[in-house]
N, C-alpha and C. Protein backbone atom coordinates (compact mmCIF):
# COMPACT_ATOMS: atom_id res chain seq x y z
N MET A 1 31.09 17.14 -0.15
CA MET A 1 30.26 17.16 -1.46
C MET A 1 29.25 15.79 -1.61
N ILE A 2 28.45 16.33 -2.38
CA ILE A 2 27.23 15.17 -2.83
C ILE A 2 26.75 15.00 -4.24
N LYS A 3 26.66 14.45 -4.76
CA LYS A 3 26.22 13.72 -6.03
C LYS A 3 24.64 13.52 -6.21
N SER A 4 24.20 14.05 -7.19
CA SER A 4 22.84 12.94 -6.98
C SER A 4 22.32 13.17 -8.54
N TYR A 5 21.87 12.00 -8.64
CA TYR A 5 21.31 11.99 -10.11
C TYR A 5 19.85 11.35 -10.04
N ILE A 6 18.93 12.11 -11.20
CA ILE A 6 17.56 12.68 -11.21
C ILE A 6 17.25 11.76 -12.49
N ASP A 7 15.87 11.84 -12.08
CA ASP A 7 15.56 11.61 -13.40
C ASP A 7 13.56 11.67 -13.30
N ALA A 8 13.17 11.72 -14.65
CA ALA A 8 11.27 11.61 -14.68
C ALA A 8 11.05 10.40 -15.68
N SER A 9 10.17 10.20 -15.64
CA SER A 9 9.23 9.09 -16.03
C SER A 9 7.86 10.00 -16.64
N THR A 10 7.15 9.48 -17.76
CA THR A 10 6.21 10.19 -17.57
C THR A 10 4.83 8.97 -18.86
N LYS A 11 3.81 9.00 -18.69
CA LYS A 11 3.32 7.86 -19.47
C LYS A 11 2.41 8.91 -20.21
N GLY A 12 2.47 9.23 -21.34
CA GLY A 12 1.92 9.93 -22.23
C GLY A 12 2.17 11.28 -22.34
N ASN A 13 1.86 12.33 -22.81
CA ASN A 13 2.65 13.71 -22.93
C ASN A 13 2.00 14.87 -23.08
N PRO A 14 1.34 15.69 -22.03
CA PRO A 14 0.91 15.06 -20.67
C PRO A 14 0.45 13.91 -20.13
N GLY A 15 0.87 12.98 -18.88
CA GLY A 15 0.47 12.00 -18.11
C GLY A 15 0.94 11.90 -17.07
N PRO A 16 0.47 10.97 -16.48
CA PRO A 16 1.08 10.73 -15.32
C PRO A 16 2.72 10.26 -15.33
N SER A 17 3.02 11.16 -13.91
CA SER A 17 4.63 11.00 -14.08
C SER A 17 5.15 10.74 -12.87
N GLY A 18 6.06 10.10 -13.08
CA GLY A 18 6.81 9.35 -11.54
C GLY A 18 8.38 9.96 -11.59
N GLY A 19 9.07 10.26 -10.23
CA GLY A 19 10.31 10.70 -10.48
C GLY A 19 11.27 9.84 -9.73
N GLY A 20 12.62 10.23 -9.36
CA GLY A 20 13.57 9.43 -8.80
C GLY A 20 15.00 9.98 -8.97
N ILE A 21 15.79 9.64 -7.16
CA ILE A 21 16.73 11.23 -7.06
C ILE A 21 17.60 9.67 -6.41
N ILE A 22 18.43 9.23 -6.74
CA ILE A 22 20.06 9.01 -6.15
C ILE A 22 20.85 10.20 -5.23
N LEU A 23 21.06 9.88 -3.87
CA LEU A 23 21.86 10.54 -3.51
C LEU A 23 23.47 9.82 -2.77
N LEU A 24 24.49 10.54 -3.28
CA LEU A 24 25.84 9.73 -2.83
C LEU A 24 26.60 10.95 -1.90
N GLY A 25 26.92 10.57 -0.88
CA GLY A 25 28.06 11.42 -0.09
C GLY A 25 28.90 10.71 0.79
N ASP A 26 29.20 11.36 1.58
CA ASP A 26 30.12 10.64 2.80
C ASP A 26 28.95 10.02 3.64
N ASP A 27 29.00 8.39 3.61
CA ASP A 27 27.79 7.96 4.94
C ASP A 27 26.88 8.29 4.25
N LEU A 28 26.56 8.87 2.82
CA LEU A 28 25.46 9.15 2.50
C LEU A 28 24.78 8.01 1.16
N TYR A 29 24.19 7.33 1.19
CA TYR A 29 23.38 6.46 -0.09
C TYR A 29 22.24 6.25 0.33
N GLU A 30 21.46 6.85 -0.51
CA GLU A 30 20.05 7.08 -0.27
C GLU A 30 18.84 6.78 -1.80
N GLN A 31 17.94 6.26 -2.04
CA GLN A 31 17.32 6.32 -3.23
C GLN A 31 15.95 6.44 -3.27
N GLU A 32 15.35 7.49 -3.62
CA GLU A 32 14.06 7.47 -3.49
C GLU A 32 13.26 7.52 -5.04
N SER A 33 11.87 7.00 -4.81
CA SER A 33 10.92 6.81 -6.11
C SER A 33 9.68 7.81 -5.58
N PHE A 34 9.31 8.46 -6.35
CA PHE A 34 7.71 9.25 -5.86
C PHE A 34 6.90 9.48 -7.10
N ALA A 35 5.60 9.56 -6.89
CA ALA A 35 4.56 10.01 -8.12
C ALA A 35 4.82 11.35 -8.02
N LEU A 36 4.06 11.86 -9.63
CA LEU A 36 4.10 13.17 -9.43
C LEU A 36 2.70 13.22 -10.31
N ASP A 37 2.46 14.86 -10.32
CA ASP A 37 0.74 14.84 -11.20
C ASP A 37 1.24 14.66 -12.62
N HIS A 38 0.09 14.70 -13.35
CA HIS A 38 -0.13 14.61 -14.87
C HIS A 38 0.76 15.76 -15.44
N LEU A 39 2.06 15.90 -16.21
CA LEU A 39 3.06 16.43 -16.35
C LEU A 39 3.64 16.10 -17.91
N THR A 40 3.95 17.07 -18.18
CA THR A 40 4.81 16.59 -19.71
C THR A 40 6.26 15.83 -18.96
N ASN A 41 6.54 15.59 -19.90
CA ASN A 41 8.21 14.87 -19.80
C ASN A 41 9.29 15.84 -19.57
N HIS A 42 9.00 17.02 -19.74
CA HIS A 42 10.00 18.47 -19.48
C HIS A 42 9.53 18.42 -18.76
N GLN A 43 8.70 18.87 -17.82
CA GLN A 43 8.08 19.68 -16.66
C GLN A 43 8.27 18.28 -15.67
N ALA A 44 7.89 17.12 -16.01
CA ALA A 44 8.52 16.18 -15.28
C ALA A 44 9.95 16.33 -14.61
N GLU A 45 10.93 16.52 -15.40
CA GLU A 45 12.19 16.73 -14.99
C GLU A 45 12.43 18.06 -14.11
N PHE A 46 11.83 19.02 -14.49
CA PHE A 46 11.62 20.30 -13.88
C PHE A 46 11.36 19.66 -12.36
N ALA A 47 10.33 19.24 -12.22
CA ALA A 47 9.26 18.77 -11.22
C ALA A 47 10.57 18.49 -10.07
N VAL A 48 11.26 17.61 -10.88
CA VAL A 48 11.96 16.38 -9.86
C VAL A 48 13.58 17.30 -9.41
N PHE A 49 13.52 18.31 -10.06
CA PHE A 49 14.67 19.18 -9.63
C PHE A 49 14.50 19.98 -8.40
N SER A 50 13.64 20.32 -8.70
CA SER A 50 12.20 21.16 -7.61
C SER A 50 12.44 20.43 -6.48
N TYR A 51 12.14 19.28 -6.03
CA TYR A 51 11.94 18.64 -5.08
C TYR A 51 13.07 18.35 -4.46
N LEU A 52 14.03 17.73 -5.43
CA LEU A 52 15.43 17.78 -4.76
C LEU A 52 15.84 18.55 -4.00
N LEU A 53 16.01 20.18 -4.66
CA LEU A 53 16.28 20.89 -3.67
C LEU A 53 15.55 21.59 -2.35
N HIS A 54 14.36 21.12 -2.27
CA HIS A 54 13.69 21.19 -1.44
C HIS A 54 13.97 20.06 -0.22
N ASP A 55 14.10 18.74 -0.65
CA ASP A 55 14.56 18.01 0.18
C ASP A 55 16.36 17.86 0.90
N LEU A 56 16.89 18.54 -0.20
CA LEU A 56 18.36 18.78 0.45
C LEU A 56 18.17 19.81 1.40
N TYR A 57 17.22 21.04 0.80
CA TYR A 57 17.36 22.22 1.95
C TYR A 57 16.89 21.84 3.25
N LYS A 58 15.50 20.83 3.33
CA LYS A 58 15.05 20.16 4.20
C LYS A 58 15.85 19.52 4.79
N ARG A 59 17.14 18.83 4.95
CA ARG A 59 17.71 18.01 5.30
C ARG A 59 19.05 19.05 6.07
N GLN A 60 19.05 20.10 5.74
CA GLN A 60 20.26 21.18 5.89
C GLN A 60 21.16 20.57 5.11
N LEU A 61 21.03 20.10 3.94
CA LEU A 61 22.84 19.92 3.25
C LEU A 61 22.96 20.92 1.88
N HIS A 62 21.97 22.23 2.13
CA HIS A 62 22.08 22.96 0.87
C HIS A 62 23.55 23.46 0.98
N THR A 63 23.88 23.49 2.50
CA THR A 63 25.55 24.55 2.36
C THR A 63 26.46 23.28 1.64
N GLU A 64 26.32 21.96 1.33
CA GLU A 64 27.90 21.10 0.75
C GLU A 64 27.80 21.83 -0.43
N THR A 65 28.71 21.21 -0.81
CA THR A 65 29.13 21.21 -2.75
C THR A 65 28.09 20.42 -2.85
N ILE A 66 27.30 20.48 -4.38
CA ILE A 66 25.94 19.32 -4.41
C ILE A 66 26.77 19.33 -6.16
N PHE A 67 26.93 18.34 -6.43
CA PHE A 67 26.53 18.18 -8.08
C PHE A 67 25.15 17.28 -8.18
N VAL A 68 24.68 17.83 -9.48
CA VAL A 68 23.42 17.34 -9.85
C VAL A 68 23.42 16.74 -11.23
N TYR A 69 23.11 15.29 -11.44
CA TYR A 69 23.34 14.89 -12.92
C TYR A 69 21.70 14.55 -13.40
N THR A 70 21.77 14.98 -15.15
CA THR A 70 20.47 14.68 -15.05
C THR A 70 20.71 14.36 -16.77
N ASP A 71 19.94 13.81 -17.14
CA ASP A 71 19.86 12.87 -18.82
C ASP A 71 18.65 14.11 -19.45
N SER A 72 18.22 15.32 -18.90
CA SER A 72 17.50 16.07 -19.71
C SER A 72 18.54 17.11 -20.06
N LYS A 73 18.87 17.69 -21.40
CA LYS A 73 19.43 18.53 -22.01
C LYS A 73 19.06 20.01 -21.57
N ILE A 74 17.48 19.87 -21.74
CA ILE A 74 16.78 21.00 -21.56
C ILE A 74 16.70 21.48 -20.12
N LEU A 75 16.46 20.64 -19.30
CA LEU A 75 16.64 21.24 -18.06
C LEU A 75 18.15 21.53 -17.66
N ALA A 76 19.43 20.76 -17.74
CA ALA A 76 20.38 21.14 -17.60
C ALA A 76 20.89 22.64 -18.28
N GLN A 77 20.46 22.92 -19.36
CA GLN A 77 20.67 24.08 -20.18
C GLN A 77 20.03 25.49 -19.60
N THR A 78 18.87 24.89 -19.20
CA THR A 78 18.15 26.02 -18.81
C THR A 78 18.29 26.63 -17.64
N ILE A 79 18.73 25.51 -16.36
CA ILE A 79 19.31 26.09 -15.13
C ILE A 79 20.56 26.88 -15.40
N GLN A 80 21.46 26.41 -16.10
CA GLN A 80 23.01 26.98 -16.43
C GLN A 80 22.77 28.20 -17.13
N LYS A 81 21.67 28.91 -18.14
CA LYS A 81 22.06 29.60 -18.52
C LYS A 81 21.07 30.66 -17.48
N ASN A 82 20.31 30.16 -16.84
CA ASN A 82 19.53 30.54 -16.05
C ASN A 82 18.20 31.45 -17.09
N HIS A 83 17.55 30.59 -17.53
CA HIS A 83 16.71 31.48 -18.96
C HIS A 83 15.54 30.81 -19.37
N THR A 84 14.53 30.83 -19.48
CA THR A 84 13.80 29.89 -20.19
C THR A 84 12.40 30.96 -20.84
N LYS A 85 12.25 30.66 -22.20
CA LYS A 85 11.10 31.30 -22.54
C LYS A 85 9.86 30.49 -23.07
N ASN A 86 10.11 28.99 -22.37
CA ASN A 86 9.03 28.32 -22.72
C ASN A 86 8.10 28.69 -21.61
N PRO A 87 6.63 28.59 -21.96
CA PRO A 87 5.73 28.98 -20.47
C PRO A 87 5.48 27.87 -20.18
N ASP A 88 5.90 26.69 -20.60
CA ASP A 88 5.49 25.17 -19.73
C ASP A 88 6.42 24.83 -18.29
N PHE A 89 7.44 25.64 -18.91
CA PHE A 89 8.51 25.21 -18.14
C PHE A 89 8.81 26.46 -16.89
N GLN A 90 7.90 27.84 -16.56
CA GLN A 90 7.89 29.27 -16.32
C GLN A 90 7.52 28.78 -14.66
N LYS A 91 6.67 28.36 -14.07
CA LYS A 91 6.23 28.03 -13.15
C LYS A 91 7.32 27.21 -12.39
N TYR A 92 8.26 26.25 -12.85
CA TYR A 92 8.81 25.39 -12.11
C TYR A 92 10.43 26.51 -12.33
N PHE A 93 10.54 27.10 -13.19
CA PHE A 93 11.81 28.00 -13.22
C PHE A 93 12.10 28.75 -12.30
N ILE A 94 10.46 29.33 -11.69
CA ILE A 94 10.63 30.83 -11.09
C ILE A 94 10.86 29.58 -9.50
N GLU A 95 10.26 28.86 -9.27
CA GLU A 95 10.09 28.44 -8.37
C GLU A 95 11.82 27.54 -8.15
N ILE A 96 12.27 27.21 -9.03
CA ILE A 96 13.98 26.89 -8.47
C ILE A 96 14.96 27.78 -8.54
N GLN A 97 14.33 28.61 -9.24
CA GLN A 97 15.46 30.16 -8.63
C GLN A 97 15.13 30.36 -7.40
N GLU A 98 14.01 30.59 -7.03
CA GLU A 98 14.31 31.22 -5.79
C GLU A 98 15.08 30.18 -4.84
N LYS A 99 14.74 28.72 -4.95
CA LYS A 99 15.35 27.85 -4.29
C LYS A 99 16.85 27.58 -4.29
N LEU A 100 17.44 27.81 -5.55
CA LEU A 100 18.90 28.04 -5.82
C LEU A 100 19.39 28.98 -5.30
N THR A 101 18.83 30.18 -4.41
CA THR A 101 19.13 31.23 -3.86
C THR A 101 19.91 30.59 -2.49
N GLN A 102 19.27 29.78 -1.55
CA GLN A 102 19.96 29.24 -0.65
C GLN A 102 21.09 28.29 -0.68
N PHE A 103 21.27 27.58 -2.24
CA PHE A 103 22.47 26.64 -2.39
C PHE A 103 23.66 27.61 -3.02
N PRO A 104 24.69 27.42 -2.44
CA PRO A 104 25.69 28.49 -2.51
C PRO A 104 26.67 28.07 -3.83
N LEU A 105 26.88 26.78 -3.45
CA LEU A 105 27.57 25.49 -4.36
C LEU A 105 26.72 24.49 -4.89
N LEU A 106 26.16 24.61 -5.72
CA LEU A 106 25.18 24.02 -6.65
C LEU A 106 25.48 23.51 -8.25
N PHE A 107 25.95 22.50 -8.94
CA PHE A 107 26.46 22.57 -10.32
C PHE A 107 25.44 21.56 -11.02
N ILE A 108 24.98 22.14 -12.13
CA ILE A 108 24.31 21.10 -12.58
C ILE A 108 24.24 20.63 -14.01
N GLU A 109 24.72 19.22 -14.24
CA GLU A 109 25.45 18.65 -15.71
C GLU A 109 24.39 17.95 -16.40
N TRP A 110 24.22 17.63 -17.29
CA TRP A 110 23.93 16.63 -18.25
C TRP A 110 24.97 15.77 -18.68
N LEU A 111 23.97 14.15 -18.44
CA LEU A 111 24.90 13.25 -18.49
C LEU A 111 24.08 12.40 -19.48
N PRO A 112 24.80 11.18 -20.28
CA PRO A 112 23.89 10.65 -21.78
C PRO A 112 22.78 10.15 -20.86
N GLU A 113 21.60 9.44 -21.02
CA GLU A 113 21.11 8.36 -20.78
C GLU A 113 21.33 7.31 -20.21
N ALA A 114 22.12 6.28 -20.58
CA ALA A 114 23.30 5.22 -20.50
C ALA A 114 23.69 5.54 -19.17
N LYS A 115 24.11 6.20 -18.83
CA LYS A 115 24.82 6.43 -17.43
C LYS A 115 24.00 7.07 -16.44
N ASN A 116 22.72 6.93 -16.63
CA ASN A 116 21.74 7.57 -15.39
C ASN A 116 20.55 6.42 -15.64
N LYS A 117 21.21 5.03 -15.29
CA LYS A 117 20.43 3.88 -15.51
C LYS A 117 19.76 4.02 -14.03
N GLY A 118 20.39 4.05 -13.14
CA GLY A 118 19.76 4.15 -11.43
C GLY A 118 18.48 5.00 -11.13
N ALA A 119 18.54 6.58 -11.84
CA ALA A 119 17.60 7.30 -11.43
C ALA A 119 16.54 7.04 -12.44
N ASP A 120 16.76 6.64 -13.62
CA ASP A 120 15.76 6.23 -15.06
C ASP A 120 14.93 5.10 -14.57
N HIS A 121 15.37 4.26 -13.19
CA HIS A 121 14.59 2.87 -13.04
C HIS A 121 13.85 3.25 -11.67
N LEU A 122 14.47 4.32 -10.83
CA LEU A 122 13.76 4.95 -10.11
C LEU A 122 12.66 5.90 -10.66
N ALA A 123 12.80 6.46 -11.33
CA ALA A 123 11.73 7.45 -11.71
C ALA A 123 10.49 6.49 -12.48
N ARG A 124 10.88 5.49 -12.85
CA ARG A 124 9.84 4.26 -13.27
C ARG A 124 9.32 3.55 -12.33
N GLN A 125 10.02 3.70 -11.30
CA GLN A 125 9.08 2.99 -9.69
C GLN A 125 8.17 3.90 -9.58
N GLY A 126 8.35 5.58 -9.88
CA GLY A 126 7.59 6.45 -9.63
C GLY A 126 6.33 6.79 -10.41
N LEU A 127 7.01 6.18 -11.67
CA LEU A 127 5.52 6.13 -12.48
C LEU A 127 4.69 5.61 -11.87
N ARG A 128 5.15 4.46 -11.69
CA ARG A 128 4.07 3.04 -11.32
C ARG A 128 3.48 3.47 -10.36
N LYS A 129 3.91 4.00 -9.08
CA LYS A 129 2.97 4.10 -7.97
C LYS A 129 2.09 5.50 -8.55
N ALA A 130 2.43 6.52 -9.52
CA ALA A 130 1.65 7.31 -9.95
C ALA A 130 0.43 6.62 -10.81
N LEU A 131 0.31 5.34 -11.59
CA LEU A 131 -0.39 5.05 -12.28
C LEU A 131 -1.50 4.11 -10.75
N ARG A 132 -0.72 3.56 -9.98
CA ARG A 132 -1.56 3.06 -9.50
C ARG A 132 -2.56 3.95 -8.20
N LEU A 133 -1.86 5.06 -8.03
CA LEU A 133 -3.02 6.19 -7.60
C LEU A 133 -4.34 6.59 -8.05
N GLU A 134 -3.57 6.97 -9.51
CA GLU A 134 -4.68 7.02 -10.68
C GLU A 134 -5.76 6.00 -10.72
N ASN A 135 -5.43 4.67 -10.73
CA ASN A 135 -6.24 3.55 -10.90
C ASN A 135 -7.27 3.71 -9.69
N ARG A 136 -6.69 4.15 -8.55
CA ARG A 136 -7.53 3.64 -7.04
C ARG A 136 -8.78 5.07 -7.18
N ARG A 137 -8.30 6.18 -8.21
CA ARG A 137 -9.18 7.19 -8.24
C ARG A 137 -10.33 6.75 -9.18
N LYS A 138 -10.58 6.00 -9.98
CA LYS A 138 -11.10 5.79 -10.85
C LYS A 138 -12.22 4.62 -10.30
């Protein structure tokens, strides 16, 4: 069983964004922060989840039972309902739907922001990376 905590951070809306992921399992404890493109906060949350799915599949962990915890109600509800009307999320939602076909036992749950501080901290680190990259381009 793998538990993953995910979060995104954005400066402006839209603006430079970053993501953070914590993976916990038997003999597994990893943290990652990474820069994302200019996105809205909600788009960034979807992008982080898509990144997580890609990473788990690449590591051949997709057959494990996976619990994903997010403080984004919109992300959790969209994935649980398997539906969105919001055009801003469509690109990510379609991408996520395709990836989820490879995951037989993946559950996504909302949790309060106060219980997701580790992923929040990593997402803020990812945002700092995105801001540094943006400053280098100027």
